[in-house]
Amino acid sequence: MAATAIDKYSDFHGISLTLCTMEYNLLKYDLASGVVAFSTLRPAGVPRPHARAVGLPWPVLQPHQVHGVGVTVVSARTRRRPEDCDAVVTDLRDFAIGVRTADCIPVLLYDPVRQAVAAIHAGWKGTVLKIVAKTVSVMAESYGTSPADLRALIGPGISPDSFQVGPEVAERFAAEGFPLAEILSDRGPRVPGTMQGGLHIDLWQANRWLLETLGVPPEHITVTGLDTYTDSRFWSARRDGPACGRLLTAIRLCK
């Protein structure tokens, strides 16, 4: 991976990431005092998805994801698994919600004023369809959330160095008004069988741009900068095949 991509996301704005291996195989995020947030890690030496399960501190409600923009509000009356959606929001305490990814971008949101959280699955399709914006809108409608209060974490996902795309994908982002100067790079002739050359999209920056456009302060947004394609601690659909396991990124309001 080119050093410039990692350097760009090396500042976590004071949010610490701690690898916990003694009790659970988790990457924990110190997002804020009112929440617990984490991503699971691929078990060491496990090549196949059937052994991907890890111990979790609590059950995590996960939606049936479809690469769309559906957002489900989970309340005390609706705790069943959400169907056909890619984001979940809740104000329930001690109730974890999460999304599964393997190169797609997981985004966690926390509103410390209204005490609500969200877990978002933002692959390139969800990103270009602005699922992050849809989720913030649902939080505003449901809880009165103001984007200025949100804390956001953009978790492990495919990096701009590894996300090589065709012109049709770049055209979709252009058509939806994304700032191509910030998220698109042309790296010259494509080298077959590698991620070198060709067009590359920065999904981390695309989702950061969406959050900032909505009014989330830049200092409230953390990009972990962890590339699932090059980091063997995570599953990667591009590296391991589409039938690989998935990492789970979750958030839970504390009492």
Foldseek 3Di string as FASTA:
>chain_A
DDPVLLVVAVDQLPKDWDQDDPPWRWTWIPQDPFKTWIKHWAPPPDQAAVPRDIDDPDDEQEEQEDLEQDEEEDDPVRRHRHYHHFKYKYQDAPYKYWYWDAQWKWKKKAQPVQRMIMIGGGGLSNLLVPSVVVHQVVCCVPRVGQLQRMAMETEEHAAQLQAADDVVSVVSSVVSPFDCVPFKDAQDDDDPPGSHGHITGGSLVSNLVSSVVSPHDNSRYHYNSHHSQPDNRAHHCVNSNVNHHIMIIMMGGHD
